[in-house]
C-alpha atoms as a PDB file:
ATOM      1  CA  MET A   1     -23.151 -21.270 -28.844  1.00  0.00           C
ATOM      2  CA  LYS A   2     -22.372 -17.954 -27.897  1.00  0.00           C
ATOM      3  CA  ARG A   3     -24.468 -17.988 -24.957  1.00  0.00           C
ATOM      4  CA  PHE A   4     -22.751 -21.654 -23.784  1.00  0.00           C
ATOM      5  CA  ARG A   5     -19.556 -19.611 -24.131  1.00  0.00           C
ATOM      6  CA  ASN A   6     -20.431 -16.595 -22.170  1.00  0.00           C
ATOM      7  CA  LEU A   7     -21.619 -19.326 -18.802  1.00  0.00           C
ATOM      8  CA  VAL A   8     -18.441 -20.998 -19.481  1.00  0.00           C
ATOM      9  CA  LEU A   9     -16.408 -17.672 -19.594  1.00  0.00           C
ATOM     10  CA  SER A  10     -17.946 -16.199 -16.452  1.00  0.00           C
ATOM     11  CA  GLY A  11     -18.398 -19.703 -14.613  1.00  0.00           C
ATOM     12  CA  LEU A  12     -14.393 -19.320 -14.806  1.00  0.00           C
ATOM     13  CA  ALA A  13     -14.146 -15.599 -13.903  1.00  0.00           C
ATOM     14  CA  ALA A  14     -16.262 -16.581 -10.949  1.00  0.00           C
ATOM     15  CA  THR A  15     -13.471 -19.875  -9.785  1.00  0.00           C
ATOM     16  CA  ALA A  16     -10.671 -17.155 -11.115  1.00  0.00           C
ATOM     17  CA  LEU A  17     -12.356 -14.804  -8.307  1.00  0.00           C
ATOM     18  CA  ALA A  18     -13.124 -17.341  -5.228  1.00  0.00           C
ATOM     19  CA  VAL A  19      -8.851 -18.594  -5.869  1.00  0.00           C
ATOM     20  CA  ALA A  20      -7.082 -17.333  -2.273  1.00  0.00           C
ATOM     21  CA  PRO A  21      -4.096 -15.599  -3.454  1.00  0.00           C
ATOM     22  CA  GLY A  22      -2.103 -17.715  -1.912  1.00  0.00           C
ATOM     23  CA  ALA A  23      -4.026 -21.177  -3.699  1.00  0.00           C
ATOM     24  CA  ALA A  24      -1.400 -23.896  -4.708  1.00  0.00           C
ATOM     25  CA  SER A  25      -1.864 -24.040  -8.162  1.00  0.00           C
ATOM     26  CA  GLY A  26       0.578 -25.071 -11.331  1.00  0.00           C
ATOM     27  CA  GLN A  27      -1.824 -22.432 -13.114  1.00  0.00           C
ATOM     28  CA  VAL A  28      -2.040 -19.554 -10.864  1.00  0.00           C
ATOM     29  CA  ILE A  29       0.876 -17.346 -11.894  1.00  0.00           C
ATOM     30  CA  PRO A  30       1.125 -14.394  -9.093  1.00  0.00           C
ATOM     31  CA  ALA A  31       1.156 -10.638 -10.955  1.00  0.00           C
ATOM     32  CA  ALA A  32       2.063  -7.400  -9.614  1.00  0.00           C
ATOM     33  CA  LEU A  33       0.445  -5.001 -12.488  1.00  0.00           C
ATOM     34  CA  SER A  34      -1.390  -1.401 -11.007  1.00  0.00           C
ATOM     35  CA  VAL A  35      -4.510  -0.324 -11.675  1.00  0.00           C
ATOM     36  CA  ARG A  36      -5.158   3.221  -9.848  1.00  0.00           C
ATOM     37  CA  GLY A  37      -2.781   2.689  -7.191  1.00  0.00           C
ATOM     38  CA  THR A  38      -4.143  -1.234  -6.946  1.00  0.00           C
ATOM     39  CA  THR A  39      -2.594  -4.436  -7.974  1.00  0.00           C
ATOM     40  CA  VAL A  40      -3.104  -7.877 -10.446  1.00  0.00           C
ATOM     41  CA  ARG A  41      -3.102 -11.053  -7.621  1.00  0.00           C
ATOM     42  CA  GLN A  42      -3.069 -13.305 -10.357  1.00  0.00           C
ATOM     43  CA  ILE A  43      -3.545 -14.716 -13.212  1.00  0.00           C
ATOM     44  CA  HIS A  44      -4.900 -17.925 -14.757  1.00  0.00           C
ATOM     45  CA  ALA A  45      -4.467 -20.184 -17.883  1.00  0.00           C
ATOM     46  CA  ALA A  46      -6.851 -22.520 -18.584  1.00  0.00           C
ATOM     47  CA  ARG A  47      -7.844 -24.182 -21.566  1.00  0.00           C
ATOM     48  CA  ALA A  48     -10.844 -21.669 -22.451  1.00  0.00           C
ATOM     49  CA  ALA A  49      -8.518 -18.612 -22.099  1.00  0.00           C
ATOM     50  CA  ASP A  50      -6.631 -17.012 -19.548  1.00  0.00           C
ATOM     51  CA  ILE A  51      -7.813 -14.765 -16.616  1.00  0.00           C
ATOM     52  CA  VAL A  52      -6.175 -11.572 -14.972  1.00  0.00           C
ATOM     53  CA  VAL A  53      -7.485 -11.297 -11.172  1.00  0.00           C
ATOM     54  CA  LEU A  54      -6.900  -7.778 -10.561  1.00  0.00           C
ATOM     55  CA  GLY A  55      -6.552  -6.290  -7.131  1.00  0.00           C
ATOM     56  CA  ALA A  56      -9.457  -3.971  -7.391  1.00  0.00           C
ATOM     57  CA  GLY A  57     -13.193  -3.686  -8.315  1.00  0.00           C
ATOM     58  CA  PHE A  58     -16.525  -1.953  -7.697  1.00  0.00           C
ATOM     59  CA  GLU A  59     -14.802   0.139  -5.017  1.00  0.00           C
ATOM     60  CA  ALA A  60     -11.906   1.611  -6.861  1.00  0.00           C
ATOM     61  CA  GLY A  61     -14.393   2.503  -9.518  1.00  0.00           C
ATOM     62  CA  LEU A  62     -13.957  -0.062 -12.380  1.00  0.00           C
ATOM     63  CA  ARG A  63     -17.283  -1.811 -14.305  1.00  0.00           C
ATOM     64  CA  GLN A  64     -17.836  -4.776 -15.888  1.00  0.00           C
ATOM     65  CA  GLY A  65     -16.731  -3.908 -19.520  1.00  0.00           C
ATOM     66  CA  MET A  66     -14.553  -2.033 -19.200  1.00  0.00           C
ATOM     67  CA  VAL A  67     -12.090  -2.369 -21.741  1.00  0.00           C
ATOM     68  CA  CYS A  68      -7.793  -1.311 -19.933  1.00  0.00           C
ATOM     69  CA  ARG A  69      -4.308  -1.420 -21.646  1.00  0.00           C
ATOM     70  CA  VAL A  70      -1.508  -3.020 -20.292  1.00  0.00           C
ATOM     71  CA  THR A  71       1.842  -1.203 -20.980  1.00  0.00           C
ATOM     72  CA  ARG A  72       5.744  -2.245 -19.686  1.00  0.00           C
ATOM     73  CA  ALA A  73       7.913   0.762 -19.745  1.00  0.00           C
ATOM     74  CA  GLY A  74       5.498   2.477 -21.914  1.00  0.00           C
ATOM     75  CA  ALA A  75       4.593   0.352 -24.528  1.00  0.00           C
ATOM     76  CA  PRO A  76       1.736  -1.845 -25.582  1.00  0.00           C
ATOM     77  CA  VAL A  77       1.908  -5.415 -23.963  1.00  0.00           C
ATOM     78  CA  ALA A  78      -1.302  -5.900 -24.245  1.00  0.00           C
ATOM     79  CA  GLU A  79      -5.523  -5.277 -24.397  1.00  0.00           C
ATOM     80  CA  ILE A  80      -7.574  -7.019 -20.901  1.00  0.00           C
ATOM     81  CA  VAL A  81     -11.285  -6.384 -20.706  1.00  0.00           C
ATOM     82  CA  LEU A  82     -13.456  -7.305 -17.242  1.00  0.00           C
ATOM     83  CA  VAL A  83     -15.450  -9.750 -16.797  1.00  0.00           C
ATOM     84  CA  ASP A  84     -17.266  -9.646 -13.599  1.00  0.00           C
ATOM     85  CA  LEU A  85     -16.074  -7.577 -11.277  1.00  0.00           C
ATOM     86  CA  ARG A  86     -16.545  -7.758  -6.450  1.00  0.00           C
ATOM     87  CA  PRO A  87     -15.637  -4.644  -4.096  1.00  0.00           C
ATOM     88  CA  ARG A  88     -12.172  -4.943  -4.351  1.00  0.00           C
ATOM     89  CA  ALA A  89     -11.259  -7.765  -7.157  1.00  0.00           C
ATOM     90  CA  ALA A  90     -11.789  -7.946 -10.935  1.00  0.00           C
ATOM     91  CA  ALA A  91     -11.376 -10.818 -12.959  1.00  0.00           C
ATOM     92  CA  ALA A  92     -10.258  -9.922 -16.555  1.00  0.00           C
ATOM     93  CA  LEU A  93      -9.847 -12.433 -20.161  1.00  0.00           C
ATOM     94  CA  ILE A  94      -6.744 -11.029 -22.341  1.00  0.00           C
ATOM     95  CA  LEU A  95      -8.430  -9.509 -25.565  1.00  0.00           C
ATOM     96  CA  THR A  96      -4.685  -8.938 -27.518  1.00  0.00           C
ATOM     97  CA  LEU A  97      -1.364  -9.936 -26.739  1.00  0.00           C
ATOM     98  CA  GLU A  98       1.599  -7.940 -28.910  1.00  0.00           C
ATOM     99  CA  ASN A  99       3.624 -10.098 -30.478  1.00  0.00           C
ATOM    100  CA  GLY A 100       6.445 -11.664 -28.653  1.00  0.00           C
ATOM    101  CA  GLN A 101       4.733 -10.257 -25.362  1.00  0.00           C
ATOM    102  CA  SER A 102       2.997 -11.809 -22.070  1.00  0.00           C
ATOM    103  CA  ILE A 103       1.496  -9.864 -18.936  1.00  0.00           C
ATOM    104  CA  ARG A 104       4.734  -9.930 -16.336  1.00  0.00           C
ATOM    105  CA  THR A 105       5.258  -8.833 -12.667  1.00  0.00           C
ATOM    106  CA  GLY A 106       5.433  -5.184 -12.290  1.00  0.00           C
ATOM    107  CA  ASP A 107       3.182  -4.276 -16.005  1.00  0.00           C
ATOM    108  CA  THR A 108       0.775  -1.311 -15.604  1.00  0.00           C
ATOM    109  CA  VAL A 109      -2.861  -1.735 -16.240  1.00  0.00           C
ATOM    110  CA  SER A 110      -4.667   1.612 -17.192  1.00  0.00           C
ATOM    111  CA  VAL A 111      -8.388   2.084 -18.319  1.00  0.00           C
ATOM    112  CA  LYS A 112      -8.963   2.230 -21.918  1.00  0.00           C
ATOM    113  CA  THR A 113     -10.104   6.286 -22.655  1.00  0.00           C
ATOM    114  CA  ILE A 114     -10.735   7.235 -25.773  1.00  0.00           C
ATOM    115  CA  SER A 115      -8.930  10.727 -26.499  1.00  0.00           C
END
């Protein structure tokens, strides 16, 4: 069952990366979150999982499995994990959301590091 779930999520991520930035869909929400000077292009709301699409990928040093923090004005909003990458795009799943929060345009994304 876990393998099936991973295949479904991987398929969702690949589909999210294939969607053009201007695609007309009620489930695509444009966003502008920065990771090392790049932006999130879209957030896809789906039954299985919400997917955040970053406008950066391998070329920006991002790697599958990296956990990133989403903040707004220095306050934590969410944590996401990168699940599928391309040279200039990455798909991430939302791991956690702070109570009452949602990822919005203008939120900042940074790779989570051990300090």
